[in-house]
């Protein structure tokens, strides 16, 4: 791995937003995954969660897909460099039009549905490739968003089709797609939202400042995982595929 790739990989691990999302998803995966479980990473990006899963459970296999061919090629390179090509299979794919005929024990998707014009179609596709009683883990931005600093009051992602999902809306979409929602909770609560905003401010000034402040940011990230709040700028749902029509 060359120095540029090492730096990019390292910076991804320092990204507060990724840490909060991934810690929430991995907590759910630890409760559900078993040796031999087959996973689908729907919208894998850098593949952090796929690589984490196969290292934690060597008997697990992950199929990962992303709509961006460049992202897929970069991940394939990382898998070759870390000798994980036999454990993680990555392909170009659209979460709203899955072509796999495999049956999975767990499908997970992390901050993908806000990019999709028809999130209900994506969830229906996930249900179709899950084995009976299989699990779907979904993390999305939540609305409304609350901010600590005024400068983020009008913050928006240009590549988002929508800002996020109200928890009730996400629940309704999952139910309509054949799932029973078992867990629904907020992420990016007060500690996580503060950590994210501080991270954004510091990296815009100078990235080395993130390293100086990272011990404090990390404490906030860990606190966010333990915090239970009525508000949060993210939402995670753990849903089980229904085996019969209600």
C-alpha atoms as a PDB file:
ATOM      1  CA  UNK A   1       0.000   0.000   0.000  1.00  0.00           C
ATOM      2  CA  UNK A   2       1.519   3.344  -0.998  1.00  0.00           C
ATOM      3  CA  UNK A   3       1.711   6.340   1.339  1.00  0.00           C
ATOM      4  CA  UNK A   4      -1.261   8.118  -0.251  1.00  0.00           C
ATOM      5  CA  UNK A   5      -3.517   5.079   0.245  1.00  0.00           C
ATOM      6  CA  UNK A   6      -2.273   4.677   3.812  1.00  0.00           C
ATOM      7  CA  UNK A   7      -3.109   8.299   4.584  1.00  0.00           C
ATOM      8  CA  UNK A   8      -6.581   7.999   3.048  1.00  0.00           C
ATOM      9  CA  UNK A   9      -7.235   4.813   5.002  1.00  0.00           C
ATOM     10  CA  UNK A  10      -5.989   6.410   8.202  1.00  0.00           C
ATOM     11  CA  UNK A  11      -8.069   9.551   7.673  1.00  0.00           C
ATOM     12  CA  UNK A  12     -11.187   7.462   7.181  1.00  0.00           C
ATOM     13  CA  UNK A  13     -10.580   5.798  10.541  1.00  0.00           C
ATOM     14  CA  UNK A  14     -10.326   9.248  12.161  1.00  0.00           C
ATOM     15  CA  UNK A  15     -13.561  10.503  10.604  1.00  0.00           C
ATOM     16  CA  UNK A  16     -15.968  11.116  13.478  1.00  0.00           C
ATOM     17  CA  UNK A  17     -19.095  10.593  11.386  1.00  0.00           C
ATOM     18  CA  UNK A  18     -17.884   7.216  10.126  1.00  0.00           C
ATOM     19  CA  UNK A  19     -16.940   6.151  13.638  1.00  0.00           C
ATOM     20  CA  UNK A  20     -20.377   6.944  15.074  1.00  0.00           C
ATOM     21  CA  UNK A  21     -22.268   5.250  12.239  1.00  0.00           C
ATOM     22  CA  UNK A  22     -20.037   2.206  12.115  1.00  0.00           C
ATOM     23  CA  UNK A  23     -19.993   1.660  15.875  1.00  0.00           C
ATOM     24  CA  UNK A  24     -23.803   1.645  15.910  1.00  0.00           C
ATOM     25  CA  UNK A  25     -24.024  -0.797  13.000  1.00  0.00           C
ATOM     26  CA  UNK A  26     -21.329  -3.082  14.390  1.00  0.00           C
ATOM     27  CA  UNK A  27     -23.046  -3.236  17.756  1.00  0.00           C
ATOM     28  CA  UNK A  28     -26.117  -4.599  15.985  1.00  0.00           C
ATOM     29  CA  UNK A  29     -24.028  -6.999  13.898  1.00  0.00           C
ATOM     30  CA  UNK A  30     -22.328  -8.415  16.997  1.00  0.00           C
ATOM     31  CA  UNK A  31     -25.727  -9.359  18.377  1.00  0.00           C
ATOM     32  CA  UNK A  32     -26.983 -10.966  15.169  1.00  0.00           C
ATOM     33  CA  UNK A  33     -24.070 -12.456  13.236  1.00  0.00           C
ATOM     34  CA  UNK A  34     -22.910 -16.019  13.753  1.00  0.00           C
ATOM     35  CA  UNK A  35     -20.075 -18.021  12.171  1.00  0.00           C
ATOM     36  CA  UNK A  36     -21.231 -18.914   8.682  1.00  0.00           C
ATOM     37  CA  UNK A  37     -23.685 -16.011   8.364  1.00  0.00           C
ATOM     38  CA  UNK A  38     -23.662 -14.510   4.886  1.00  0.00           C
ATOM     39  CA  UNK A  39     -23.784 -10.711   4.759  1.00  0.00           C
ATOM     40  CA  UNK A  40     -24.660  -8.185   2.069  1.00  0.00           C
ATOM     41  CA  UNK A  41     -23.072  -4.744   2.412  1.00  0.00           C
ATOM     42  CA  UNK A  42     -25.447  -2.607   0.342  1.00  0.00           C
ATOM     43  CA  UNK A  43     -23.578   0.553  -0.600  1.00  0.00           C
ATOM     44  CA  UNK A  44     -20.214  -0.459   0.814  1.00  0.00           C
ATOM     45  CA  UNK A  45     -18.130   2.654   0.141  1.00  0.00           C
ATOM     46  CA  UNK A  46     -14.632   2.063   1.543  1.00  0.00           C
ATOM     47  CA  UNK A  47     -15.700  -1.337   2.860  1.00  0.00           C
ATOM     48  CA  UNK A  48     -14.775  -0.657   6.474  1.00  0.00           C
ATOM     49  CA  UNK A  49     -17.633  -2.712   7.889  1.00  0.00           C
ATOM     50  CA  UNK A  50     -17.140  -5.599   5.473  1.00  0.00           C
ATOM     51  CA  UNK A  51     -13.454  -5.855   6.360  1.00  0.00           C
ATOM     52  CA  UNK A  52     -14.233  -5.562  10.055  1.00  0.00           C
ATOM     53  CA  UNK A  53     -16.811  -8.371   9.850  1.00  0.00           C
ATOM     54  CA  UNK A  54     -14.573 -10.940   8.162  1.00  0.00           C
ATOM     55  CA  UNK A  55     -11.724 -10.189  10.546  1.00  0.00           C
ATOM     56  CA  UNK A  56     -13.996 -10.634  13.556  1.00  0.00           C
ATOM     57  CA  UNK A  57     -15.674 -13.792  12.198  1.00  0.00           C
ATOM     58  CA  UNK A  58     -13.277 -15.590   9.822  1.00  0.00           C
ATOM     59  CA  UNK A  59     -16.030 -18.038   8.787  1.00  0.00           C
ATOM     60  CA  UNK A  60     -18.277 -15.212   7.574  1.00  0.00           C
ATOM     61  CA  UNK A  61     -18.462 -14.176   3.935  1.00  0.00           C
ATOM     62  CA  UNK A  62     -19.539 -10.739   2.733  1.00  0.00           C
ATOM     63  CA  UNK A  63     -20.854  -9.656  -0.649  1.00  0.00           C
ATOM     64  CA  UNK A  64     -20.361  -5.901  -1.023  1.00  0.00           C
ATOM     65  CA  UNK A  65     -21.711  -3.612  -3.697  1.00  0.00           C
ATOM     66  CA  UNK A  66     -21.458   0.048  -4.595  1.00  0.00           C
ATOM     67  CA  UNK A  67     -22.826   2.017  -7.517  1.00  0.00           C
ATOM     68  CA  UNK A  68     -19.497   3.807  -8.168  1.00  0.00           C
ATOM     69  CA  UNK A  69     -17.025   1.704 -10.216  1.00  0.00           C
ATOM     70  CA  UNK A  70     -14.054   3.720  -8.918  1.00  0.00           C
ATOM     71  CA  UNK A  71     -15.057   3.021  -5.314  1.00  0.00           C
ATOM     72  CA  UNK A  72     -15.367  -0.682  -6.117  1.00  0.00           C
ATOM     73  CA  UNK A  73     -11.948  -0.801  -7.763  1.00  0.00           C
ATOM     74  CA  UNK A  74     -10.282   0.956  -4.822  1.00  0.00           C
ATOM     75  CA  UNK A  75     -11.870  -1.494  -2.397  1.00  0.00           C
ATOM     76  CA  UNK A  76     -10.731  -4.451  -4.491  1.00  0.00           C
ATOM     77  CA  UNK A  77      -7.205  -3.075  -4.241  1.00  0.00           C
ATOM     78  CA  UNK A  78      -7.425  -2.824  -0.459  1.00  0.00           C
ATOM     79  CA  UNK A  79      -8.753  -6.378  -0.252  1.00  0.00           C
ATOM     80  CA  UNK A  80      -5.840  -7.681  -2.332  1.00  0.00           C
ATOM     81  CA  UNK A  81      -3.340  -5.833  -0.150  1.00  0.00           C
ATOM     82  CA  UNK A  82      -4.833  -7.265   3.046  1.00  0.00           C
ATOM     83  CA  UNK A  83      -5.413 -10.789   1.686  1.00  0.00           C
ATOM     84  CA  UNK A  84      -9.193 -10.599   2.133  1.00  0.00           C
ATOM     85  CA  UNK A  85     -10.298 -11.222  -1.451  1.00  0.00           C
ATOM     86  CA  UNK A  86     -11.567 -14.685  -0.545  1.00  0.00           C
ATOM     87  CA  UNK A  87     -13.728 -13.364   2.278  1.00  0.00           C
ATOM     88  CA  UNK A  88     -15.211 -10.231   0.675  1.00  0.00           C
ATOM     89  CA  UNK A  89     -16.581 -10.179  -2.862  1.00  0.00           C
ATOM     90  CA  UNK A  90     -17.207  -6.677  -4.175  1.00  0.00           C
ATOM     91  CA  UNK A  91     -19.167  -5.731  -7.295  1.00  0.00           C
ATOM     92  CA  UNK A  92     -20.686  -2.685  -8.950  1.00  0.00           C
ATOM     93  CA  UNK A  93     -24.405  -2.661  -8.198  1.00  0.00           C
ATOM     94  CA  UNK A  94     -27.531  -0.624  -7.568  1.00  0.00           C
ATOM     95  CA  UNK A  95     -29.332  -1.169  -4.261  1.00  0.00           C
ATOM     96  CA  UNK A  96     -32.677  -0.641  -5.999  1.00  0.00           C
ATOM     97  CA  UNK A  97     -31.996  -3.342  -8.612  1.00  0.00           C
ATOM     98  CA  UNK A  98     -30.140  -6.244  -7.016  1.00  0.00           C
ATOM     99  CA  UNK A  99     -29.120  -9.024  -9.376  1.00  0.00           C
ATOM    100  CA  UNK A 100     -27.789 -11.505  -6.813  1.00  0.00           C
ATOM    101  CA  UNK A 101     -29.575 -14.822  -6.347  1.00  0.00           C
ATOM    102  CA  UNK A 102     -27.912 -15.415  -2.994  1.00  0.00           C
ATOM    103  CA  UNK A 103     -29.802 -15.582   0.286  1.00  0.00           C
ATOM    104  CA  UNK A 104     -28.335 -13.595   3.152  1.00  0.00           C
ATOM    105  CA  UNK A 105     -28.662 -13.739   6.907  1.00  0.00           C
ATOM    106  CA  UNK A 106     -27.996 -10.011   7.267  1.00  0.00           C
ATOM    107  CA  UNK A 107     -28.234  -7.067   4.887  1.00  0.00           C
ATOM    108  CA  UNK A 108     -26.845  -3.793   6.175  1.00  0.00           C
ATOM    109  CA  UNK A 109     -26.768  -0.356   4.616  1.00  0.00           C
ATOM    110  CA  UNK A 110     -25.100   2.698   6.126  1.00  0.00           C
ATOM    111  CA  UNK A 111     -26.158   6.196   5.068  1.00  0.00           C
ATOM    112  CA  UNK A 112     -27.198   5.081   1.599  1.00  0.00           C
ATOM    113  CA  UNK A 113     -30.991   5.472   1.438  1.00  0.00           C
ATOM    114  CA  UNK A 114     -30.799   9.283   1.563  1.00  0.00           C
ATOM    115  CA  UNK A 115     -29.035   9.075  -1.825  1.00  0.00           C
ATOM    116  CA  UNK A 116     -31.752   6.879  -3.364  1.00  0.00           C
ATOM    117  CA  UNK A 117     -34.833   8.244  -5.125  1.00  0.00           C
ATOM    118  CA  UNK A 118     -36.949   5.231  -4.167  1.00  0.00           C
ATOM    119  CA  UNK A 119     -35.791   3.953  -0.757  1.00  0.00           C
ATOM    120  CA  UNK A 120     -38.839   1.696  -0.526  1.00  0.00           C
ATOM    121  CA  UNK A 121     -37.689  -0.149  -3.639  1.00  0.00           C
ATOM    122  CA  UNK A 122     -34.247  -0.654  -2.098  1.00  0.00           C
ATOM    123  CA  UNK A 123     -35.750  -2.061   1.098  1.00  0.00           C
ATOM    124  CA  UNK A 124     -38.005  -4.372  -0.914  1.00  0.00           C
ATOM    125  CA  UNK A 125     -34.913  -5.634  -2.742  1.00  0.00           C
ATOM    126  CA  UNK A 126     -33.196  -6.274   0.593  1.00  0.00           C
ATOM    127  CA  UNK A 127     -36.176  -8.309   1.794  1.00  0.00           C
ATOM    128  CA  UNK A 128     -36.108 -10.353  -1.419  1.00  0.00           C
ATOM    129  CA  UNK A 129     -32.501 -11.486  -0.910  1.00  0.00           C
ATOM    130  CA  UNK A 130     -32.833 -12.205   2.818  1.00  0.00           C
ATOM    131  CA  UNK A 131     -33.459 -15.713   4.047  1.00  0.00           C
ATOM    132  CA  UNK A 132     -36.677 -16.214   6.076  1.00  0.00           C
ATOM    133  CA  UNK A 133     -36.263 -14.439   9.394  1.00  0.00           C
ATOM    134  CA  UNK A 134     -33.157 -12.615   8.134  1.00  0.00           C
ATOM    135  CA  UNK A 135     -32.112  -9.222   9.429  1.00  0.00           C
ATOM    136  CA  UNK A 136     -31.809  -5.768   7.887  1.00  0.00           C
ATOM    137  CA  UNK A 137     -29.713  -3.089   9.604  1.00  0.00           C
ATOM    138  CA  UNK A 138     -30.292   0.441   8.317  1.00  0.00           C
ATOM    139  CA  UNK A 139     -28.543   3.630   9.369  1.00  0.00           C
ATOM    140  CA  UNK A 140     -29.688   6.969   7.930  1.00  0.00           C
ATOM    141  CA  UNK A 141     -29.549  10.675   8.768  1.00  0.00           C
ATOM    142  CA  UNK A 142     -32.592  11.702  10.790  1.00  0.00           C
ATOM    143  CA  UNK A 143     -34.775  14.767  10.442  1.00  0.00           C
ATOM    144  CA  UNK A 144     -35.095  17.336  11.775  1.00  0.00           C
ATOM    145  CA  UNK A 145     -31.394  18.030  12.255  1.00  0.00           C
ATOM    146  CA  UNK A 146     -30.259  19.992  15.296  1.00  0.00           C
ATOM    147  CA  UNK A 147     -26.980  21.884  15.503  1.00  0.00           C
ATOM    148  CA  UNK A 148     -24.679  23.125  18.214  1.00  0.00           C
ATOM    149  CA  UNK A 149     -23.088  25.845  16.074  1.00  0.00           C
ATOM    150  CA  UNK A 150     -25.026  28.304  13.940  1.00  0.00           C
ATOM    151  CA  UNK A 151     -22.644  27.850  10.997  1.00  0.00           C
ATOM    152  CA  UNK A 152     -24.160  24.386  10.417  1.00  0.00           C
ATOM    153  CA  UNK A 153     -27.787  25.546  10.572  1.00  0.00           C
ATOM    154  CA  UNK A 154     -28.166  25.367   6.791  1.00  0.00           C
ATOM    155  CA  UNK A 155     -25.708  22.501   6.218  1.00  0.00           C
ATOM    156  CA  UNK A 156     -26.788  20.165   3.424  1.00  0.00           C
ATOM    157  CA  UNK A 157     -25.171  17.402   1.370  1.00  0.00           C
ATOM    158  CA  UNK A 158     -25.386  18.143  -2.351  1.00  0.00           C
ATOM    159  CA  UNK A 159     -25.512  14.458  -3.291  1.00  0.00           C
ATOM    160  CA  UNK A 160     -28.468  13.700  -1.013  1.00  0.00           C
ATOM    161  CA  UNK A 161     -31.888  13.228  -2.593  1.00  0.00           C
ATOM    162  CA  UNK A 162     -33.351  14.044   0.822  1.00  0.00           C
ATOM    163  CA  UNK A 163     -31.899  15.413   4.035  1.00  0.00           C
ATOM    164  CA  UNK A 164     -32.867  12.310   5.977  1.00  0.00           C
ATOM    165  CA  UNK A 165     -35.780  10.349   7.413  1.00  0.00           C
ATOM    166  CA  UNK A 166     -38.068  10.895  10.342  1.00  0.00           C
ATOM    167  CA  UNK A 167     -38.037   7.715  12.464  1.00  0.00           C
ATOM    168  CA  UNK A 168     -41.748   7.159  11.800  1.00  0.00           C
ATOM    169  CA  UNK A 169     -41.134   7.393   8.055  1.00  0.00           C
ATOM    170  CA  UNK A 170     -38.293   4.877   8.195  1.00  0.00           C
ATOM    171  CA  UNK A 171     -40.442   2.509  10.256  1.00  0.00           C
ATOM    172  CA  UNK A 172     -43.303   2.766   7.753  1.00  0.00           C
ATOM    173  CA  UNK A 173     -40.974   2.090   4.808  1.00  0.00           C
ATOM    174  CA  UNK A 174     -39.543  -0.991   6.489  1.00  0.00           C
ATOM    175  CA  UNK A 175     -42.969  -2.369   7.357  1.00  0.00           C
ATOM    176  CA  UNK A 176     -44.251  -1.784   3.832  1.00  0.00           C
ATOM    177  CA  UNK A 177     -41.223  -3.683   2.503  1.00  0.00           C
ATOM    178  CA  UNK A 178     -41.913  -6.802   4.556  1.00  0.00           C
ATOM    179  CA  UNK A 179     -40.016  -6.137   7.780  1.00  0.00           C
ATOM    180  CA  UNK A 180     -40.866  -6.030  11.445  1.00  0.00           C
ATOM    181  CA  UNK A 181     -38.884  -3.300  13.191  1.00  0.00           C
ATOM    182  CA  UNK A 182     -37.284  -4.703  16.329  1.00  0.00           C
ATOM    183  CA  UNK A 183     -34.999  -1.812  17.319  1.00  0.00           C
ATOM    184  CA  UNK A 184     -35.169   1.860  16.429  1.00  0.00           C
ATOM    185  CA  UNK A 185     -32.953   4.387  18.135  1.00  0.00           C
ATOM    186  CA  UNK A 186     -31.244   7.689  17.549  1.00  0.00           C
ATOM    187  CA  UNK A 187     -27.552   8.204  16.870  1.00  0.00           C
ATOM    188  CA  UNK A 188     -25.608  11.466  16.645  1.00  0.00           C
ATOM    189  CA  UNK A 189     -27.302  12.645  19.838  1.00  0.00           C
ATOM    190  CA  UNK A 190     -25.895  15.602  21.800  1.00  0.00           C
ATOM    191  CA  UNK A 191     -22.372  14.109  22.253  1.00  0.00           C
ATOM    192  CA  UNK A 192     -22.130  12.753  18.713  1.00  0.00           C
ATOM    193  CA  UNK A 193     -23.528  15.882  17.084  1.00  0.00           C
ATOM    194  CA  UNK A 194     -21.006  18.004  18.984  1.00  0.00           C
ATOM    195  CA  UNK A 195     -18.135  15.688  18.012  1.00  0.00           C
ATOM    196  CA  UNK A 196     -19.158  15.812  14.336  1.00  0.00           C
ATOM    197  CA  UNK A 197     -19.366  19.606  14.259  1.00  0.00           C
ATOM    198  CA  UNK A 198     -16.033  20.053  16.048  1.00  0.00           C
ATOM    199  CA  UNK A 199     -14.431  17.604  13.610  1.00  0.00           C
ATOM    200  CA  UNK A 200     -15.780  19.547  10.635  1.00  0.00           C
ATOM    201  CA  UNK A 201     -14.536  22.861  12.031  1.00  0.00           C
ATOM    202  CA  UNK A 202     -11.066  21.550  12.883  1.00  0.00           C
ATOM    203  CA  UNK A 203     -10.443  19.793   9.569  1.00  0.00           C
ATOM    204  CA  UNK A 204     -11.384  22.955   7.674  1.00  0.00           C
ATOM    205  CA  UNK A 205      -8.838  24.957   9.653  1.00  0.00           C
ATOM    206  CA  UNK A 206      -6.026  22.377   9.515  1.00  0.00           C
ATOM    207  CA  UNK A 207      -6.278  18.605   9.571  1.00  0.00           C
ATOM    208  CA  UNK A 208      -3.469  18.179  12.146  1.00  0.00           C
ATOM    209  CA  UNK A 209      -5.742  19.939  14.646  1.00  0.00           C
ATOM    210  CA  UNK A 210      -8.032  16.909  14.484  1.00  0.00           C
ATOM    211  CA  UNK A 211      -5.203  14.788  15.886  1.00  0.00           C
ATOM    212  CA  UNK A 212      -4.648  17.211  18.744  1.00  0.00           C
ATOM    213  CA  UNK A 213      -8.342  17.177  19.658  1.00  0.00           C
ATOM    214  CA  UNK A 214      -8.989  13.525  18.851  1.00  0.00           C
ATOM    215  CA  UNK A 215      -8.899  12.212  22.444  1.00  0.00           C
ATOM    216  CA  UNK A 216     -11.777  14.571  23.284  1.00  0.00           C
ATOM    217  CA  UNK A 217     -13.620  13.738  20.061  1.00  0.00           C
ATOM    218  CA  UNK A 218     -13.235  10.023  20.766  1.00  0.00           C
ATOM    219  CA  UNK A 219     -14.730  10.371  24.246  1.00  0.00           C
ATOM    220  CA  UNK A 220     -17.746  12.096  22.665  1.00  0.00           C
ATOM    221  CA  UNK A 221     -18.030   9.311  20.068  1.00  0.00           C
ATOM    222  CA  UNK A 222     -18.034   6.643  22.782  1.00  0.00           C
ATOM    223  CA  UNK A 223     -20.549   8.605  24.860  1.00  0.00           C
ATOM    224  CA  UNK A 224     -22.840   8.853  21.854  1.00  0.00           C
ATOM    225  CA  UNK A 225     -23.002   5.067  21.649  1.00  0.00           C
ATOM    226  CA  UNK A 226     -24.198   4.909  25.252  1.00  0.00           C
ATOM    227  CA  UNK A 227     -26.450   7.975  25.119  1.00  0.00           C
ATOM    228  CA  UNK A 228     -30.185   7.533  24.904  1.00  0.00           C
ATOM    229  CA  UNK A 229     -31.880  10.699  23.753  1.00  0.00           C
ATOM    230  CA  UNK A 230     -35.186  11.703  22.225  1.00  0.00           C
ATOM    231  CA  UNK A 231     -33.267  13.524  19.524  1.00  0.00           C
ATOM    232  CA  UNK A 232     -30.330  12.701  17.344  1.00  0.00           C
ATOM    233  CA  UNK A 233     -29.182  13.579  13.856  1.00  0.00           C
ATOM    234  CA  UNK A 234     -28.990   9.919  12.868  1.00  0.00           C
ATOM    235  CA  UNK A 235     -31.194   6.870  13.226  1.00  0.00           C
ATOM    236  CA  UNK A 236     -30.514   3.132  13.228  1.00  0.00           C
ATOM    237  CA  UNK A 237     -33.174   0.500  12.650  1.00  0.00           C
ATOM    238  CA  UNK A 238     -32.798  -3.246  13.110  1.00  0.00           C
ATOM    239  CA  UNK A 239     -35.615  -5.067  11.339  1.00  0.00           C
ATOM    240  CA  UNK A 240     -36.463  -8.718  10.767  1.00  0.00           C
ATOM    241  CA  UNK A 241     -37.920 -10.104   7.570  1.00  0.00           C
ATOM    242  CA  UNK A 242     -41.478 -11.229   8.170  1.00  0.00           C
ATOM    243  CA  UNK A 243     -42.124 -14.858   7.352  1.00  0.00           C
ATOM    244  CA  UNK A 244     -45.821 -14.282   6.698  1.00  0.00           C
ATOM    245  CA  UNK A 245     -48.129 -11.428   5.732  1.00  0.00           C
ATOM    246  CA  UNK A 246     -49.658  -9.526   8.624  1.00  0.00           C
END
